[in-house]
Amino acid sequence: MRPYHHLAIRALACLGLAAAVYTGLELGIRLAAEVAGMWGVLAASVMFPATIAGAPLLALTWGQWVPALVVYGGGLAGGVLYARHRERTPAPGTSPTS
């Protein structure tokens, strides 16, 4: 295994998570602006965790499945990559160079 392989996996996972969060927040703010105007944008910005989680569900009820797939799928894939790929640590009593 290359020495920086785990960093590349972690970076990919973080990029997936960031894309999912950005997409969910952007979708939620656009929906809030369409439904409630400026006050909706303010409320969606203040309650951003609920906006990220709830906006794809609202889009799904309107028949748009792609935002839900991007937000929930990207979050799930990024979380799994980040959690499952652990840095390799040498066993006790062994040299890290051998």
N, C-alpha and C. Protein backbone atom coordinates (compact mmCIF):
# COMPACT_ATOMS: atom_id res chain seq x y z
N MET A 1 0.84 -1.17 0.00
CA MET A 1 0.00 0.00 0.00
C MET A 1 0.89 1.24 0.00
N ARG A 2 0.55 2.16 -0.82
CA ARG A 2 1.33 3.40 -0.88
C ARG A 2 1.18 4.17 0.42
N PRO A 3 2.19 4.97 0.78
CA PRO A 3 2.15 5.63 2.09
C PRO A 3 1.01 6.64 2.25
N TYR A 4 0.58 7.28 1.19
CA TYR A 4 -0.46 8.29 1.32
C TYR A 4 -1.80 7.83 0.77
N HIS A 5 -1.96 6.53 0.60
CA HIS A 5 -3.20 5.98 0.06
C HIS A 5 -4.39 6.28 0.97
N HIS A 6 -4.19 6.18 2.27
CA HIS A 6 -5.28 6.43 3.20
C HIS A 6 -5.71 7.89 3.18
N LEU A 7 -4.78 8.80 2.90
CA LEU A 7 -5.14 10.21 2.81
C LEU A 7 -5.99 10.48 1.58
N ALA A 8 -5.71 9.79 0.48
CA ALA A 8 -6.51 9.96 -0.73
C ALA A 8 -7.93 9.46 -0.51
N ILE A 9 -8.08 8.34 0.19
CA ILE A 9 -9.41 7.80 0.48
C ILE A 9 -10.17 8.77 1.39
N ARG A 10 -9.50 9.28 2.41
CA ARG A 10 -10.15 10.24 3.31
C ARG A 10 -10.54 11.52 2.58
N ALA A 11 -9.67 12.00 1.69
CA ALA A 11 -10.00 13.21 0.92
C ALA A 11 -11.20 12.98 0.02
N LEU A 12 -11.26 11.82 -0.62
CA LEU A 12 -12.41 11.48 -1.45
C LEU A 12 -13.69 11.40 -0.63
N ALA A 13 -13.59 10.84 0.55
CA ALA A 13 -14.76 10.75 1.43
C ALA A 13 -15.22 12.14 1.86
N CYS A 14 -14.28 13.00 2.21
CA CYS A 14 -14.64 14.36 2.62
C CYS A 14 -15.24 15.15 1.47
N LEU A 15 -14.74 14.95 0.26
CA LEU A 15 -15.32 15.62 -0.91
C LEU A 15 -16.75 15.15 -1.16
N GLY A 16 -17.00 13.86 -1.01
CA GLY A 16 -18.35 13.34 -1.16
C GLY A 16 -19.30 13.91 -0.12
N LEU A 17 -18.83 13.99 1.12
CA LEU A 17 -19.66 14.56 2.17
C LEU A 17 -19.93 16.05 1.94
N ALA A 18 -18.89 16.77 1.52
CA ALA A 18 -19.05 18.21 1.26
C ALA A 18 -20.02 18.45 0.10
N ALA A 19 -19.94 17.64 -0.94
CA ALA A 19 -20.86 17.79 -2.07
C ALA A 19 -22.29 17.50 -1.65
N ALA A 20 -22.48 16.50 -0.82
CA ALA A 20 -23.83 16.17 -0.34
C ALA A 20 -24.39 17.29 0.52
N VAL A 21 -23.58 17.84 1.40
CA VAL A 21 -24.03 18.93 2.28
C VAL A 21 -24.34 20.17 1.46
N TYR A 22 -23.46 20.52 0.53
CA TYR A 22 -23.69 21.71 -0.30
C TYR A 22 -24.96 21.55 -1.13
N THR A 23 -25.15 20.40 -1.73
CA THR A 23 -26.33 20.18 -2.56
C THR A 23 -27.60 20.26 -1.73
N GLY A 24 -27.60 19.65 -0.55
CA GLY A 24 -28.78 19.71 0.31
C GLY A 24 -29.10 21.11 0.79
N LEU A 25 -28.07 21.86 1.16
CA LEU A 25 -28.29 23.22 1.64
C LEU A 25 -28.76 24.13 0.51
N GLU A 26 -28.15 23.99 -0.65
CA GLU A 26 -28.54 24.81 -1.80
C GLU A 26 -29.97 24.50 -2.22
N LEU A 27 -30.32 23.22 -2.25
CA LEU A 27 -31.67 22.82 -2.60
C LEU A 27 -32.67 23.35 -1.58
N GLY A 28 -32.35 23.25 -0.31
CA GLY A 28 -33.25 23.73 0.74
C GLY A 28 -33.46 25.22 0.70
N ILE A 29 -32.41 25.98 0.45
CA ILE A 29 -32.55 27.43 0.39
C ILE A 29 -33.35 27.84 -0.85
N ARG A 30 -33.13 27.15 -1.97
CA ARG A 30 -33.94 27.46 -3.17
C ARG A 30 -35.42 27.15 -2.95
N LEU A 31 -35.70 26.01 -2.33
CA LEU A 31 -37.10 25.67 -2.05
C LEU A 31 -37.72 26.65 -1.07
N ALA A 32 -36.97 27.05 -0.06
CA ALA A 32 -37.49 28.01 0.92
C ALA A 32 -37.73 29.37 0.27
N ALA A 33 -36.87 29.78 -0.64
CA ALA A 33 -37.07 31.05 -1.33
C ALA A 33 -38.30 30.99 -2.22
N GLU A 34 -38.53 29.85 -2.84
CA GLU A 34 -39.70 29.70 -3.72
C GLU A 34 -40.99 29.69 -2.91
N VAL A 35 -40.97 29.04 -1.75
CA VAL A 35 -42.20 28.89 -0.97
C VAL A 35 -42.47 30.11 -0.08
N ALA A 36 -41.45 30.61 0.62
CA ALA A 36 -41.69 31.63 1.65
C ALA A 36 -40.91 32.92 1.45
N GLY A 37 -40.22 33.07 0.35
CA GLY A 37 -39.51 34.32 0.08
C GLY A 37 -38.30 34.52 0.98
N MET A 38 -38.02 35.78 1.29
CA MET A 38 -36.82 36.12 2.07
C MET A 38 -36.86 35.54 3.47
N TRP A 39 -38.03 35.49 4.09
CA TRP A 39 -38.12 34.92 5.43
C TRP A 39 -37.85 33.42 5.42
N GLY A 40 -38.22 32.75 4.36
CA GLY A 40 -37.92 31.33 4.21
C GLY A 40 -36.43 31.08 4.07
N VAL A 41 -35.75 31.96 3.33
CA VAL A 41 -34.30 31.84 3.19
C VAL A 41 -33.61 32.05 4.53
N LEU A 42 -34.08 33.02 5.29
CA LEU A 42 -33.51 33.27 6.62
C LEU A 42 -33.72 32.07 7.54
N ALA A 43 -34.94 31.53 7.53
CA ALA A 43 -35.24 30.36 8.38
C ALA A 43 -34.43 29.14 7.95
N ALA A 44 -34.31 28.92 6.64
CA ALA A 44 -33.53 27.78 6.14
C ALA A 44 -32.05 27.93 6.47
N SER A 45 -31.55 29.15 6.46
CA SER A 45 -30.14 29.37 6.79
C SER A 45 -29.86 29.16 8.27
N VAL A 46 -30.79 29.59 9.11
CA VAL A 46 -30.60 29.43 10.56
C VAL A 46 -30.72 27.97 10.96
N MET A 47 -31.68 27.27 10.36
CA MET A 47 -31.90 25.86 10.70
C MET A 47 -31.30 24.96 9.63
N PHE A 48 -30.02 25.18 9.29
CA PHE A 48 -29.41 24.47 8.17
C PHE A 48 -29.32 22.96 8.34
N PRO A 49 -29.16 22.38 9.53
CA PRO A 49 -29.16 20.91 9.58
C PRO A 49 -30.51 20.31 9.17
N ALA A 50 -31.58 20.94 9.61
CA ALA A 50 -32.90 20.46 9.21
C ALA A 50 -33.15 20.71 7.73
N THR A 51 -32.60 21.79 7.22
CA THR A 51 -32.74 22.09 5.80
C THR A 51 -32.05 21.04 4.95
N ILE A 52 -30.84 20.67 5.35
CA ILE A 52 -30.07 19.67 4.59
C ILE A 52 -30.78 18.32 4.62
N ALA A 53 -31.34 17.96 5.76
CA ALA A 53 -32.00 16.65 5.88
C ALA A 53 -33.39 16.64 5.26
N GLY A 54 -34.13 17.74 5.36
CA GLY A 54 -35.52 17.75 4.95
C GLY A 54 -35.80 18.15 3.52
N ALA A 55 -34.95 18.97 2.93
CA ALA A 55 -35.21 19.47 1.57
C ALA A 55 -35.27 18.35 0.53
N PRO A 56 -34.37 17.35 0.58
CA PRO A 56 -34.50 16.26 -0.40
C PRO A 56 -35.79 15.45 -0.24
N LEU A 57 -36.28 15.35 0.99
CA LEU A 57 -37.56 14.64 1.19
C LEU A 57 -38.71 15.41 0.55
N LEU A 58 -38.67 16.73 0.68
CA LEU A 58 -39.70 17.54 0.04
C LEU A 58 -39.61 17.44 -1.48
N ALA A 59 -38.39 17.48 -2.01
CA ALA A 59 -38.21 17.33 -3.46
C ALA A 59 -38.67 15.94 -3.91
N LEU A 60 -38.46 14.94 -3.07
CA LEU A 60 -38.90 13.58 -3.41
C LEU A 60 -40.42 13.49 -3.48
N THR A 61 -41.11 14.19 -2.60
CA THR A 61 -42.57 14.19 -2.67
C THR A 61 -43.08 14.92 -3.90
N TRP A 62 -42.28 15.82 -4.45
CA TRP A 62 -42.65 16.54 -5.68
C TRP A 62 -42.24 15.76 -6.93
N GLY A 63 -41.70 14.56 -6.75
CA GLY A 63 -41.36 13.72 -7.89
C GLY A 63 -39.94 13.89 -8.41
N GLN A 64 -39.10 14.62 -7.69
CA GLN A 64 -37.70 14.81 -8.10
C GLN A 64 -36.82 13.93 -7.21
N TRP A 65 -36.35 12.81 -7.75
CA TRP A 65 -35.59 11.86 -6.94
C TRP A 65 -34.09 12.10 -6.98
N VAL A 66 -33.61 12.87 -7.95
CA VAL A 66 -32.16 13.08 -8.09
C VAL A 66 -31.57 13.83 -6.89
N PRO A 67 -32.20 14.93 -6.39
CA PRO A 67 -31.61 15.58 -5.21
C PRO A 67 -31.52 14.65 -3.99
N ALA A 68 -32.53 13.83 -3.79
CA ALA A 68 -32.48 12.89 -2.65
C ALA A 68 -31.37 11.88 -2.85
N LEU A 69 -31.20 11.41 -4.07
CA LEU A 69 -30.13 10.46 -4.36
C LEU A 69 -28.76 11.08 -4.13
N VAL A 70 -28.57 12.31 -4.56
CA VAL A 70 -27.28 12.98 -4.40
C VAL A 70 -26.98 13.25 -2.94
N VAL A 71 -27.94 13.80 -2.21
CA VAL A 71 -27.70 14.16 -0.81
C VAL A 71 -27.55 12.93 0.07
N TYR A 72 -28.52 12.03 0.03
CA TYR A 72 -28.46 10.87 0.92
C TYR A 72 -27.43 9.84 0.44
N GLY A 73 -27.33 9.63 -0.86
CA GLY A 73 -26.34 8.70 -1.39
C GLY A 73 -24.92 9.19 -1.20
N GLY A 74 -24.70 10.48 -1.45
CA GLY A 74 -23.37 11.05 -1.24
C GLY A 74 -22.97 11.06 0.22
N GLY A 75 -23.93 11.37 1.07
CA GLY A 75 -23.64 11.34 2.51
C GLY A 75 -23.34 9.95 3.01
N LEU A 76 -24.11 8.99 2.53
CA LEU A 76 -23.89 7.60 2.94
C LEU A 76 -22.56 7.07 2.41
N ALA A 77 -22.29 7.31 1.14
CA ALA A 77 -21.04 6.82 0.56
C ALA A 77 -19.82 7.48 1.20
N GLY A 78 -19.89 8.78 1.40
CA GLY A 78 -18.78 9.47 2.05
C GLY A 78 -18.57 9.03 3.48
N GLY A 79 -19.67 8.84 4.20
CA GLY A 79 -19.56 8.39 5.59
C GLY A 79 -18.99 6.99 5.70
N VAL A 80 -19.42 6.11 4.81
CA VAL A 80 -18.90 4.74 4.83
C VAL A 80 -17.41 4.74 4.47
N LEU A 81 -17.04 5.48 3.45
CA LEU A 81 -15.62 5.54 3.08
C LEU A 81 -14.78 6.09 4.22
N TYR A 82 -15.27 7.13 4.86
CA TYR A 82 -14.51 7.75 5.94
C TYR A 82 -14.41 6.83 7.15
N ALA A 83 -15.48 6.16 7.48
CA ALA A 83 -15.49 5.32 8.68
C ALA A 83 -14.79 3.98 8.48
N ARG A 84 -14.90 3.39 7.30
CA ARG A 84 -14.37 2.05 7.08
C ARG A 84 -12.88 2.03 6.78
N HIS A 85 -12.35 3.09 6.27
CA HIS A 85 -10.94 3.08 5.90
C HIS A 85 -10.12 3.63 7.06
N ARG A 86 -9.55 2.76 7.80
CA ARG A 86 -8.74 3.16 8.94
C ARG A 86 -7.27 3.19 8.54
N GLU A 87 -6.55 4.07 9.19
CA GLU A 87 -5.12 4.13 8.91
C GLU A 87 -4.47 2.84 9.42
N ARG A 88 -3.53 2.36 8.65
CA ARG A 88 -2.85 1.14 9.05
C ARG A 88 -1.85 1.46 10.15
N THR A 89 -1.94 0.72 11.21
CA THR A 89 -0.98 0.88 12.31
C THR A 89 -0.23 -0.44 12.43
N PRO A 90 1.08 -0.35 12.66
CA PRO A 90 1.85 -1.58 12.78
C PRO A 90 1.47 -2.35 14.06
N ALA A 91 1.58 -3.64 13.99
CA ALA A 91 1.30 -4.48 15.16
C ALA A 91 2.33 -4.24 16.23
N PRO A 92 1.95 -4.43 17.49
CA PRO A 92 2.91 -4.22 18.58
C PRO A 92 4.12 -5.15 18.43
N GLY A 93 5.29 -4.58 18.64
CA GLY A 93 6.52 -5.38 18.56
C GLY A 93 7.10 -5.45 17.16
N THR A 94 6.50 -4.81 16.17
CA THR A 94 7.06 -4.83 14.82
C THR A 94 7.56 -3.45 14.46
N SER A 95 8.46 -3.42 13.54
CA SER A 95 9.03 -2.16 13.08
C SER A 95 8.13 -1.58 11.98
N PRO A 96 7.87 -0.27 11.99
CA PRO A 96 7.02 0.31 10.95
C PRO A 96 7.69 0.31 9.57
N THR A 97 8.99 0.05 9.51
CA THR A 97 9.67 0.07 8.22
C THR A 97 9.80 -1.32 7.62
N SER A 98 9.47 -2.35 8.37
CA SER A 98 9.63 -3.71 7.84
C SER A 98 8.39 -4.20 7.15
